[in-house]
Amino acid sequence: MKKYLLAAAGVVAAALIAAPSAVGAAGAPATPAAAPAPAKASAAAHVAPAAAAQAPARIRTVRSGERVDAGQGYTVWLTEDGKHWADPDGFENFRSVVDGNIDRSQPGVSHQSEGGPAGAFHSGLFYGTKKAGRVELTDAEGHKTVATLVALPGHPDWGVWYTHTGASKSSPSVALYDRAGKRLADLPGRTF
């Protein structure tokens, strides 16, 4: 009986280990369901372990106009014109990728944020590369947060990133890395 239980446990463990790599495989189709909302941000929850901070993020492919639950009442969506997002009160914002305010001929990253004493929602564009690997925020204390990345189908040279952090008296620095871990662009943080 022990032999069968150990064999069954091994099969379950192998399935659990294989599942994340299958989900993150390049070219894997996106599911139309929205991603589950992350738990409330806390100082401990937003700090990425050193190994996780170095791993490339999977870029989720979404349809034009598809609403993505970004957690804590925020929603993001992409159209061919750019990034859209809405806050918990339903107020909508837009950041264009076609109006000439960003130079898509070279890698870059933008940053918008809003929040209060409980924490902040951060989002922005990454652009100028088809080899984006991750966007990482670093606060004044050195805590790192790896953002979620979304893009339209067809491997465009731009996409959107978003994440939540705890409350802070400064804006974090934001860095764009390629899939090999090379820093492509960054924005310095600033104190409010």
N, C-alpha and C. Protein backbone atom coordinates (compact mmCIF):
# COMPACT_ATOMS: atom_id res chain seq x y z
N MET A 1 0.82 -1.19 0.00
CA MET A 1 0.00 0.00 0.00
C MET A 1 0.87 1.25 0.00
N LYS A 2 1.96 1.25 0.81
CA LYS A 2 2.85 2.40 0.86
C LYS A 2 3.43 2.69 -0.52
N LYS A 3 3.76 1.62 -1.26
CA LYS A 3 4.35 1.77 -2.58
C LYS A 3 3.42 2.57 -3.49
N TYR A 4 2.12 2.25 -3.45
CA TYR A 4 1.15 2.92 -4.31
C TYR A 4 0.94 4.37 -3.90
N LEU A 5 0.93 4.64 -2.60
CA LEU A 5 0.79 6.02 -2.12
C LEU A 5 1.98 6.86 -2.54
N LEU A 6 3.20 6.28 -2.41
CA LEU A 6 4.40 7.01 -2.83
C LEU A 6 4.39 7.27 -4.33
N ALA A 7 3.95 6.29 -5.11
CA ALA A 7 3.88 6.45 -6.57
C ALA A 7 2.87 7.54 -6.92
N ALA A 8 1.71 7.53 -6.28
CA ALA A 8 0.69 8.55 -6.54
C ALA A 8 1.20 9.93 -6.16
N ALA A 9 1.88 10.03 -5.03
CA ALA A 9 2.44 11.32 -4.61
C ALA A 9 3.46 11.81 -5.62
N GLY A 10 4.26 10.90 -6.17
CA GLY A 10 5.25 11.28 -7.18
C GLY A 10 4.60 11.80 -8.44
N VAL A 11 3.50 11.17 -8.86
CA VAL A 11 2.78 11.63 -10.07
C VAL A 11 2.20 13.02 -9.83
N VAL A 12 1.59 13.25 -8.67
CA VAL A 12 1.04 14.57 -8.34
C VAL A 12 2.14 15.61 -8.31
N ALA A 13 3.27 15.30 -7.67
CA ALA A 13 4.39 16.25 -7.60
C ALA A 13 4.91 16.58 -9.00
N ALA A 14 5.03 15.57 -9.86
CA ALA A 14 5.51 15.81 -11.23
C ALA A 14 4.54 16.69 -11.99
N ALA A 15 3.25 16.48 -11.79
CA ALA A 15 2.25 17.32 -12.48
C ALA A 15 2.34 18.75 -12.00
N LEU A 16 2.51 18.95 -10.70
CA LEU A 16 2.61 20.30 -10.16
C LEU A 16 3.87 21.01 -10.64
N ILE A 17 4.95 20.28 -10.74
CA ILE A 17 6.21 20.87 -11.21
C ILE A 17 6.11 21.21 -12.68
N ALA A 18 5.50 20.35 -13.48
CA ALA A 18 5.40 20.56 -14.93
C ALA A 18 4.41 21.65 -15.28
N ALA A 19 3.35 21.82 -14.50
CA ALA A 19 2.29 22.77 -14.84
C ALA A 19 2.79 24.20 -15.00
N PRO A 20 3.58 24.77 -14.07
CA PRO A 20 4.02 26.15 -14.27
C PRO A 20 4.85 26.34 -15.53
N SER A 21 5.69 25.37 -15.89
CA SER A 21 6.50 25.55 -17.09
C SER A 21 5.64 25.47 -18.34
N ALA A 22 4.58 24.69 -18.32
CA ALA A 22 3.70 24.62 -19.48
C ALA A 22 2.93 25.91 -19.63
N VAL A 23 2.50 26.49 -18.50
CA VAL A 23 1.74 27.74 -18.55
C VAL A 23 2.61 28.87 -19.08
N GLY A 24 3.88 28.90 -18.69
CA GLY A 24 4.76 30.00 -19.09
C GLY A 24 5.46 29.77 -20.41
N ALA A 25 5.13 28.69 -21.11
CA ALA A 25 5.82 28.40 -22.36
C ALA A 25 5.55 29.47 -23.39
N ALA A 26 6.58 29.81 -24.16
CA ALA A 26 6.43 30.84 -25.18
C ALA A 26 5.39 30.39 -26.18
N GLY A 27 4.55 31.31 -26.60
CA GLY A 27 3.55 31.03 -27.60
C GLY A 27 2.32 30.35 -27.03
N ALA A 28 2.27 30.14 -25.72
CA ALA A 28 1.09 29.51 -25.14
C ALA A 28 -0.08 30.47 -25.25
N PRO A 29 -1.25 30.00 -25.67
CA PRO A 29 -2.38 30.90 -25.82
C PRO A 29 -2.84 31.42 -24.47
N ALA A 30 -3.31 32.64 -24.45
CA ALA A 30 -3.82 33.24 -23.22
C ALA A 30 -5.23 32.74 -22.98
N THR A 31 -5.57 32.61 -21.73
CA THR A 31 -6.93 32.23 -21.41
C THR A 31 -7.77 33.49 -21.35
N PRO A 32 -9.02 33.43 -21.80
CA PRO A 32 -9.83 34.63 -21.79
C PRO A 32 -10.26 35.06 -20.41
N ALA A 33 -10.19 34.19 -19.42
CA ALA A 33 -10.60 34.56 -18.07
C ALA A 33 -9.58 35.51 -17.47
N ALA A 34 -10.07 36.44 -16.67
CA ALA A 34 -9.19 37.40 -16.01
C ALA A 34 -8.36 36.69 -14.97
N ALA A 35 -7.16 37.20 -14.74
CA ALA A 35 -6.28 36.64 -13.72
C ALA A 35 -6.90 36.88 -12.36
N PRO A 36 -6.71 35.97 -11.41
CA PRO A 36 -7.27 36.18 -10.09
C PRO A 36 -6.64 37.41 -9.44
N ALA A 37 -7.44 38.09 -8.64
CA ALA A 37 -6.96 39.29 -7.97
C ALA A 37 -5.92 38.90 -6.93
N PRO A 38 -4.80 39.63 -6.90
CA PRO A 38 -3.80 39.32 -5.89
C PRO A 38 -4.29 39.73 -4.50
N ALA A 39 -3.71 39.14 -3.50
CA ALA A 39 -4.06 39.49 -2.13
C ALA A 39 -3.64 40.92 -1.85
N LYS A 40 -4.20 41.49 -0.78
CA LYS A 40 -3.85 42.86 -0.42
C LYS A 40 -2.34 43.01 -0.29
N ALA A 41 -1.84 44.14 -0.77
CA ALA A 41 -0.41 44.40 -0.71
C ALA A 41 0.02 44.64 0.73
N SER A 42 1.14 44.11 1.08
CA SER A 42 1.75 44.39 2.37
C SER A 42 3.24 44.52 2.13
N ALA A 43 3.92 45.07 3.09
CA ALA A 43 5.36 45.26 2.91
C ALA A 43 6.05 43.93 2.62
N ALA A 44 5.63 42.86 3.28
CA ALA A 44 6.27 41.57 3.06
C ALA A 44 5.84 40.95 1.74
N ALA A 45 4.60 41.19 1.33
CA ALA A 45 4.07 40.54 0.13
C ALA A 45 4.69 41.06 -1.15
N HIS A 46 5.11 42.32 -1.18
CA HIS A 46 5.60 42.87 -2.45
C HIS A 46 7.10 42.70 -2.65
N VAL A 47 7.80 42.19 -1.67
CA VAL A 47 9.23 42.02 -1.82
C VAL A 47 9.50 40.71 -2.56
N ALA A 48 10.17 40.81 -3.69
CA ALA A 48 10.47 39.62 -4.49
C ALA A 48 11.75 38.97 -4.00
N PRO A 49 11.76 37.65 -3.84
CA PRO A 49 13.02 36.99 -3.49
C PRO A 49 14.05 37.22 -4.59
N ALA A 50 15.31 37.19 -4.24
CA ALA A 50 16.38 37.49 -5.20
C ALA A 50 16.29 36.60 -6.43
N ALA A 51 16.04 35.31 -6.27
CA ALA A 51 15.97 34.41 -7.43
C ALA A 51 14.79 34.76 -8.31
N ALA A 52 13.62 35.06 -7.71
CA ALA A 52 12.44 35.40 -8.49
C ALA A 52 12.63 36.72 -9.21
N ALA A 53 13.36 37.65 -8.61
CA ALA A 53 13.57 38.96 -9.22
C ALA A 53 14.42 38.83 -10.49
N GLN A 54 15.23 37.79 -10.59
CA GLN A 54 16.08 37.60 -11.75
C GLN A 54 15.40 36.83 -12.87
N ALA A 55 14.33 36.10 -12.55
CA ALA A 55 13.65 35.28 -13.56
C ALA A 55 12.81 36.16 -14.48
N PRO A 56 12.81 35.86 -15.79
CA PRO A 56 11.98 36.64 -16.69
C PRO A 56 10.50 36.40 -16.39
N ALA A 57 9.71 37.43 -16.52
CA ALA A 57 8.27 37.31 -16.32
C ALA A 57 7.64 36.77 -17.60
N ARG A 58 6.55 36.06 -17.45
CA ARG A 58 5.80 35.62 -18.62
C ARG A 58 4.94 36.79 -19.06
N ILE A 59 4.93 37.08 -20.34
CA ILE A 59 4.08 38.15 -20.85
C ILE A 59 2.75 37.53 -21.25
N ARG A 60 1.69 37.97 -20.61
CA ARG A 60 0.35 37.46 -20.92
C ARG A 60 -0.15 38.16 -22.17
N THR A 61 -0.60 37.39 -23.13
CA THR A 61 -1.16 37.95 -24.36
C THR A 61 -2.66 38.13 -24.19
N VAL A 62 -3.14 39.34 -24.50
CA VAL A 62 -4.56 39.66 -24.36
C VAL A 62 -5.09 40.24 -25.67
N ARG A 63 -6.38 40.08 -25.88
CA ARG A 63 -7.02 40.67 -27.06
C ARG A 63 -7.17 42.18 -26.88
N SER A 64 -7.23 42.91 -27.96
CA SER A 64 -7.45 44.35 -27.90
C SER A 64 -8.78 44.61 -27.18
N GLY A 65 -8.73 45.44 -26.15
CA GLY A 65 -9.92 45.78 -25.39
C GLY A 65 -10.27 44.82 -24.27
N GLU A 66 -9.55 43.69 -24.16
CA GLU A 66 -9.83 42.72 -23.11
C GLU A 66 -9.46 43.30 -21.75
N ARG A 67 -10.41 43.32 -20.84
CA ARG A 67 -10.18 43.86 -19.50
C ARG A 67 -9.44 42.85 -18.64
N VAL A 68 -8.37 43.31 -17.99
CA VAL A 68 -7.56 42.47 -17.12
C VAL A 68 -7.71 42.98 -15.69
N ASP A 69 -8.09 42.11 -14.79
CA ASP A 69 -8.20 42.46 -13.38
C ASP A 69 -6.79 42.61 -12.83
N ALA A 70 -6.41 43.84 -12.49
CA ALA A 70 -5.07 44.12 -11.99
C ALA A 70 -5.02 44.09 -10.46
N GLY A 71 -6.11 43.69 -9.83
CA GLY A 71 -6.15 43.56 -8.38
C GLY A 71 -6.55 44.84 -7.67
N GLN A 72 -7.14 44.67 -6.51
CA GLN A 72 -7.53 45.76 -5.62
C GLN A 72 -8.41 46.79 -6.32
N GLY A 73 -9.26 46.34 -7.23
CA GLY A 73 -10.22 47.23 -7.89
C GLY A 73 -9.70 47.89 -9.16
N TYR A 74 -8.47 47.67 -9.54
CA TYR A 74 -7.90 48.27 -10.76
C TYR A 74 -8.08 47.33 -11.95
N THR A 75 -8.25 47.92 -13.11
CA THR A 75 -8.40 47.18 -14.36
C THR A 75 -7.49 47.81 -15.40
N VAL A 76 -6.84 46.99 -16.22
CA VAL A 76 -6.04 47.49 -17.34
C VAL A 76 -6.52 46.82 -18.62
N TRP A 77 -6.38 47.51 -19.75
CA TRP A 77 -6.64 46.92 -21.05
C TRP A 77 -5.82 47.65 -22.10
N LEU A 78 -5.56 46.96 -23.19
CA LEU A 78 -4.74 47.50 -24.27
C LEU A 78 -5.57 47.60 -25.53
N THR A 79 -5.30 48.63 -26.31
CA THR A 79 -5.82 48.75 -27.66
C THR A 79 -4.62 49.07 -28.54
N GLU A 80 -4.81 49.10 -29.83
CA GLU A 80 -3.70 49.41 -30.73
C GLU A 80 -3.14 50.82 -30.46
N ASP A 81 -3.94 51.69 -29.83
CA ASP A 81 -3.51 53.06 -29.51
C ASP A 81 -2.67 53.15 -28.25
N GLY A 82 -2.84 52.20 -27.31
CA GLY A 82 -2.07 52.27 -26.08
C GLY A 82 -2.70 51.60 -24.90
N LYS A 83 -2.29 52.08 -23.73
CA LYS A 83 -2.66 51.51 -22.43
C LYS A 83 -3.85 52.27 -21.84
N HIS A 84 -4.80 51.52 -21.33
CA HIS A 84 -5.95 52.08 -20.62
C HIS A 84 -5.98 51.46 -19.24
N TRP A 85 -6.42 52.22 -18.27
CA TRP A 85 -6.61 51.65 -16.94
C TRP A 85 -7.70 52.40 -16.21
N ALA A 86 -8.34 51.71 -15.27
CA ALA A 86 -9.40 52.29 -14.46
C ALA A 86 -9.13 52.00 -13.00
N ASP A 87 -9.43 52.99 -12.15
CA ASP A 87 -9.22 52.82 -10.71
C ASP A 87 -10.47 52.22 -10.08
N PRO A 88 -10.45 51.95 -8.77
CA PRO A 88 -11.60 51.32 -8.12
C PRO A 88 -12.89 52.15 -8.22
N ASP A 89 -12.78 53.46 -8.41
CA ASP A 89 -13.96 54.31 -8.56
C ASP A 89 -14.48 54.34 -9.99
N GLY A 90 -13.78 53.66 -10.91
CA GLY A 90 -14.20 53.63 -12.30
C GLY A 90 -13.62 54.74 -13.16
N PHE A 91 -12.78 55.60 -12.56
CA PHE A 91 -12.16 56.67 -13.34
C PHE A 91 -11.16 56.07 -14.32
N GLU A 92 -11.31 56.37 -15.62
CA GLU A 92 -10.46 55.78 -16.65
C GLU A 92 -9.35 56.72 -17.08
N ASN A 93 -8.20 56.15 -17.38
CA ASN A 93 -7.02 56.88 -17.84
C ASN A 93 -6.50 56.24 -19.12
N PHE A 94 -5.64 56.96 -19.83
CA PHE A 94 -5.10 56.46 -21.09
C PHE A 94 -3.67 56.96 -21.27
N ARG A 95 -2.81 56.10 -21.81
CA ARG A 95 -1.43 56.47 -22.17
C ARG A 95 -1.19 55.96 -23.58
N SER A 96 -0.95 56.87 -24.50
CA SER A 96 -0.81 56.54 -25.91
C SER A 96 0.56 55.97 -26.24
N VAL A 97 0.58 55.07 -27.24
CA VAL A 97 1.85 54.60 -27.79
C VAL A 97 2.03 55.09 -29.22
N VAL A 98 1.07 55.90 -29.71
CA VAL A 98 1.13 56.35 -31.11
C VAL A 98 1.14 57.87 -31.27
N ASP A 99 1.11 58.63 -30.18
CA ASP A 99 1.03 60.09 -30.30
C ASP A 99 2.39 60.78 -30.38
N GLY A 100 3.47 60.03 -30.40
CA GLY A 100 4.80 60.61 -30.52
C GLY A 100 5.47 60.95 -29.20
N ASN A 101 4.81 60.68 -28.08
CA ASN A 101 5.41 61.01 -26.78
C ASN A 101 6.39 59.96 -26.28
N ILE A 102 6.44 58.81 -26.91
CA ILE A 102 7.47 57.82 -26.58
C ILE A 102 8.20 57.45 -27.87
N ASP A 103 9.46 57.12 -27.72
CA ASP A 103 10.29 56.73 -28.86
C ASP A 103 10.40 55.21 -28.89
N ARG A 104 9.60 54.58 -29.74
CA ARG A 104 9.58 53.11 -29.80
C ARG A 104 10.74 52.55 -30.60
N SER A 105 11.65 53.41 -31.08
CA SER A 105 12.81 52.91 -31.81
C SER A 105 13.91 52.42 -30.86
N GLN A 106 13.77 52.69 -29.57
CA GLN A 106 14.73 52.22 -28.58
C GLN A 106 13.99 51.80 -27.31
N PRO A 107 14.55 50.87 -26.53
CA PRO A 107 13.87 50.40 -25.34
C PRO A 107 13.61 51.52 -24.34
N GLY A 108 12.42 51.47 -23.74
CA GLY A 108 12.06 52.44 -22.72
C GLY A 108 10.96 51.90 -21.83
N VAL A 109 10.69 52.64 -20.77
CA VAL A 109 9.66 52.27 -19.82
C VAL A 109 9.04 53.54 -19.27
N SER A 110 7.72 53.53 -19.05
CA SER A 110 7.04 54.66 -18.43
C SER A 110 6.46 54.21 -17.10
N HIS A 111 6.00 55.18 -16.28
CA HIS A 111 5.49 54.85 -14.95
C HIS A 111 4.39 55.82 -14.56
N GLN A 112 3.24 55.28 -14.21
CA GLN A 112 2.15 56.04 -13.62
C GLN A 112 1.79 55.33 -12.31
N SER A 113 1.42 56.10 -11.29
CA SER A 113 1.03 55.46 -10.03
C SER A 113 -0.02 56.29 -9.34
N GLU A 114 -0.78 55.62 -8.51
CA GLU A 114 -1.76 56.29 -7.66
C GLU A 114 -1.97 55.43 -6.43
N GLY A 115 -2.26 56.07 -5.32
CA GLY A 115 -2.45 55.31 -4.10
C GLY A 115 -2.62 56.22 -2.92
N GLY A 116 -2.48 55.63 -1.76
CA GLY A 116 -2.65 56.35 -0.51
C GLY A 116 -1.91 55.66 0.60
N PRO A 117 -2.35 55.88 1.84
CA PRO A 117 -1.66 55.32 3.00
C PRO A 117 -1.60 53.79 3.01
N ALA A 118 -2.55 53.13 2.34
CA ALA A 118 -2.59 51.66 2.35
C ALA A 118 -1.66 51.05 1.31
N GLY A 119 -1.25 51.81 0.31
CA GLY A 119 -0.39 51.27 -0.72
C GLY A 119 -0.64 51.95 -2.05
N ALA A 120 0.05 51.50 -3.09
CA ALA A 120 -0.05 52.16 -4.38
C ALA A 120 -0.18 51.15 -5.51
N PHE A 121 -0.89 51.58 -6.55
CA PHE A 121 -0.99 50.83 -7.80
C PHE A 121 -0.03 51.50 -8.78
N HIS A 122 0.85 50.71 -9.37
CA HIS A 122 1.83 51.21 -10.33
C HIS A 122 1.57 50.53 -11.67
N SER A 123 1.70 51.28 -12.75
CA SER A 123 1.59 50.68 -14.07
C SER A 123 2.36 51.56 -15.06
N GLY A 124 2.53 51.04 -16.25
CA GLY A 124 3.24 51.80 -17.26
C GLY A 124 3.37 51.01 -18.54
N LEU A 125 4.09 51.59 -19.47
CA LEU A 125 4.40 50.95 -20.75
C LEU A 125 5.82 50.43 -20.71
N PHE A 126 6.08 49.35 -21.43
CA PHE A 126 7.44 48.97 -21.81
C PHE A 126 7.42 48.95 -23.32
N TYR A 127 8.49 49.41 -23.96
CA TYR A 127 8.44 49.58 -25.41
C TYR A 127 9.84 49.56 -26.03
N GLY A 128 9.84 49.48 -27.36
CA GLY A 128 11.11 49.53 -28.10
C GLY A 128 11.86 48.23 -28.15
N THR A 129 11.23 47.13 -27.76
CA THR A 129 11.88 45.82 -27.80
C THR A 129 10.84 44.73 -27.91
N LYS A 130 11.19 43.67 -28.61
CA LYS A 130 10.34 42.48 -28.66
C LYS A 130 10.89 41.41 -27.75
N LYS A 131 11.91 41.74 -26.95
CA LYS A 131 12.58 40.78 -26.08
C LYS A 131 12.43 41.13 -24.60
N ALA A 132 11.36 41.84 -24.25
CA ALA A 132 11.16 42.21 -22.85
C ALA A 132 11.09 40.96 -22.00
N GLY A 133 11.77 41.00 -20.86
CA GLY A 133 11.78 39.87 -19.94
C GLY A 133 11.08 40.15 -18.64
N ARG A 134 11.28 41.35 -18.10
CA ARG A 134 10.61 41.73 -16.85
C ARG A 134 10.73 43.22 -16.64
N VAL A 135 9.81 43.73 -15.83
CA VAL A 135 9.88 45.10 -15.32
C VAL A 135 9.94 44.96 -13.81
N GLU A 136 10.88 45.67 -13.22
CA GLU A 136 11.14 45.55 -11.78
C GLU A 136 11.16 46.93 -11.14
N LEU A 137 10.44 47.07 -10.03
CA LEU A 137 10.44 48.30 -9.26
C LEU A 137 11.34 48.11 -8.05
N THR A 138 12.07 49.16 -7.68
CA THR A 138 12.92 49.11 -6.49
C THR A 138 12.61 50.35 -5.65
N ASP A 139 12.20 50.13 -4.40
CA ASP A 139 11.87 51.28 -3.54
C ASP A 139 13.13 51.83 -2.87
N ALA A 140 12.96 52.91 -2.10
CA ALA A 140 14.09 53.60 -1.48
C ALA A 140 14.86 52.70 -0.51
N GLU A 141 14.20 51.69 0.05
CA GLU A 141 14.85 50.76 0.98
C GLU A 141 15.51 49.59 0.26
N GLY A 142 15.37 49.52 -1.07
CA GLY A 142 15.99 48.44 -1.84
C GLY A 142 15.10 47.23 -2.08
N HIS A 143 13.84 47.29 -1.61
CA HIS A 143 12.91 46.18 -1.86
C HIS A 143 12.52 46.16 -3.33
N LYS A 144 12.54 44.98 -3.91
CA LYS A 144 12.23 44.83 -5.33
C LYS A 144 10.86 44.18 -5.53
N THR A 145 10.14 44.66 -6.54
CA THR A 145 8.84 44.12 -6.90
C THR A 145 8.84 43.86 -8.40
N VAL A 146 8.55 42.63 -8.80
CA VAL A 146 8.48 42.29 -10.21
C VAL A 146 7.03 42.48 -10.67
N ALA A 147 6.85 43.21 -11.76
CA ALA A 147 5.53 43.54 -12.28
C ALA A 147 4.97 42.43 -13.16
N THR A 148 3.67 42.46 -13.35
CA THR A 148 2.98 41.59 -14.30
C THR A 148 3.02 42.28 -15.66
N LEU A 149 3.28 41.52 -16.73
CA LEU A 149 3.37 42.08 -18.08
C LEU A 149 2.24 41.56 -18.96
N VAL A 150 1.64 42.44 -19.75
CA VAL A 150 0.61 42.06 -20.72
C VAL A 150 0.91 42.74 -22.04
N ALA A 151 0.55 42.08 -23.14
CA ALA A 151 0.78 42.63 -24.48
C ALA A 151 -0.29 42.11 -25.43
N LEU A 152 -0.42 42.78 -26.56
CA LEU A 152 -1.33 42.33 -27.61
C LEU A 152 -0.69 41.19 -28.39
N PRO A 153 -1.48 40.41 -29.14
CA PRO A 153 -0.92 39.31 -29.92
C PRO A 153 0.03 39.80 -31.01
N GLY A 154 0.86 38.89 -31.51
CA GLY A 154 1.74 39.21 -32.63
C GLY A 154 3.09 39.75 -32.23
N HIS A 155 3.47 39.63 -30.96
CA HIS A 155 4.78 40.08 -30.47
C HIS A 155 5.06 41.54 -30.82
N PRO A 156 4.20 42.47 -30.39
CA PRO A 156 4.46 43.88 -30.67
C PRO A 156 5.68 44.37 -29.90
N ASP A 157 6.14 45.56 -30.25
CA ASP A 157 7.32 46.13 -29.59
C ASP A 157 6.94 46.95 -28.36
N TRP A 158 5.76 46.73 -27.83
CA TRP A 158 5.34 47.42 -26.61
C TRP A 158 4.32 46.57 -25.86
N GLY A 159 4.15 46.89 -24.59
CA GLY A 159 3.16 46.24 -23.75
C GLY A 159 2.96 47.06 -22.49
N VAL A 160 2.24 46.49 -21.56
CA VAL A 160 1.88 47.18 -20.32
C VAL A 160 2.37 46.34 -19.14
N TRP A 161 2.81 47.02 -18.11
CA TRP A 161 3.17 46.35 -16.85
C TRP A 161 2.34 46.95 -15.74
N TYR A 162 2.11 46.17 -14.65
CA TYR A 162 1.40 46.69 -13.48
C TYR A 162 1.77 45.88 -12.24
N THR A 163 1.64 46.53 -11.08
CA THR A 163 1.87 45.87 -9.80
C THR A 163 1.34 46.75 -8.68
N HIS A 164 1.29 46.21 -7.49
CA HIS A 164 0.92 46.94 -6.28
C HIS A 164 2.10 46.91 -5.32
N THR A 165 2.28 47.98 -4.56
CA THR A 165 3.29 48.01 -3.50
C THR A 165 2.66 48.59 -2.25
N GLY A 166 3.37 48.47 -1.15
CA GLY A 166 2.93 49.08 0.09
C GLY A 166 3.12 50.59 0.02
N ALA A 167 2.66 51.28 1.04
CA ALA A 167 2.78 52.74 1.11
C ALA A 167 4.25 53.15 1.17
N SER A 168 4.55 54.31 0.58
CA SER A 168 5.93 54.80 0.56
C SER A 168 5.92 56.32 0.43
N LYS A 169 6.99 56.94 0.88
CA LYS A 169 7.13 58.40 0.75
C LYS A 169 7.94 58.76 -0.48
N SER A 170 8.22 57.76 -1.32
CA SER A 170 8.96 58.03 -2.55
C SER A 170 8.44 57.13 -3.66
N SER A 171 8.70 57.54 -4.87
CA SER A 171 8.33 56.75 -6.04
C SER A 171 9.47 55.77 -6.32
N PRO A 172 9.16 54.51 -6.58
CA PRO A 172 10.24 53.55 -6.83
C PRO A 172 10.91 53.80 -8.17
N SER A 173 12.13 53.34 -8.31
CA SER A 173 12.77 53.33 -9.63
C SER A 173 12.17 52.16 -10.40
N VAL A 174 12.14 52.28 -11.72
CA VAL A 174 11.55 51.25 -12.57
C VAL A 174 12.58 50.86 -13.62
N ALA A 175 12.79 49.56 -13.80
CA ALA A 175 13.78 49.08 -14.78
C ALA A 175 13.15 48.03 -15.68
N LEU A 176 13.50 48.10 -16.96
CA LEU A 176 13.09 47.11 -17.96
C LEU A 176 14.29 46.23 -18.28
N TYR A 177 14.10 44.91 -18.23
CA TYR A 177 15.14 43.94 -18.53
C TYR A 177 14.72 43.08 -19.71
N ASP A 178 15.69 42.58 -20.47
CA ASP A 178 15.37 41.63 -21.52
C ASP A 178 15.29 40.23 -20.92
N ARG A 179 15.01 39.22 -21.74
CA ARG A 179 14.84 37.85 -21.24
C ARG A 179 16.12 37.25 -20.68
N ALA A 180 17.27 37.79 -21.08
CA ALA A 180 18.55 37.29 -20.57
C ALA A 180 18.96 38.01 -19.28
N GLY A 181 18.18 38.98 -18.83
CA GLY A 181 18.49 39.71 -17.60
C GLY A 181 19.26 40.99 -17.80
N LYS A 182 19.49 41.39 -19.05
CA LYS A 182 20.21 42.64 -19.32
C LYS A 182 19.26 43.83 -19.16
N ARG A 183 19.72 44.85 -18.41
CA ARG A 183 18.91 46.05 -18.22
C ARG A 183 18.87 46.83 -19.53
N LEU A 184 17.64 47.11 -20.01
CA LEU A 184 17.46 47.83 -21.26
C LEU A 184 17.14 49.30 -21.05
N ALA A 185 16.41 49.63 -19.99
CA ALA A 185 16.01 51.02 -19.73
C ALA A 185 15.61 51.14 -18.27
N ASP A 186 15.68 52.37 -17.76
CA ASP A 186 15.22 52.59 -16.39
C ASP A 186 14.77 54.03 -16.18
N LEU A 187 13.96 54.18 -15.14
CA LEU A 187 13.51 55.50 -14.66
C LEU A 187 13.92 55.60 -13.21
N PRO A 188 14.57 56.68 -12.83
CA PRO A 188 14.94 56.82 -11.42
C PRO A 188 13.72 57.09 -10.55
N GLY A 189 13.82 56.69 -9.28
CA GLY A 189 12.76 57.00 -8.32
C GLY A 189 12.85 58.45 -7.91
N ARG A 190 11.83 58.91 -7.21
CA ARG A 190 11.85 60.29 -6.71
C ARG A 190 11.11 60.37 -5.37
N THR A 191 11.50 61.32 -4.56
CA THR A 191 10.86 61.54 -3.26
C THR A 191 9.74 62.54 -3.43
N PHE A 192 8.63 62.29 -2.74
CA PHE A 192 7.47 63.21 -2.83
C PHE A 192 7.66 64.40 -1.93
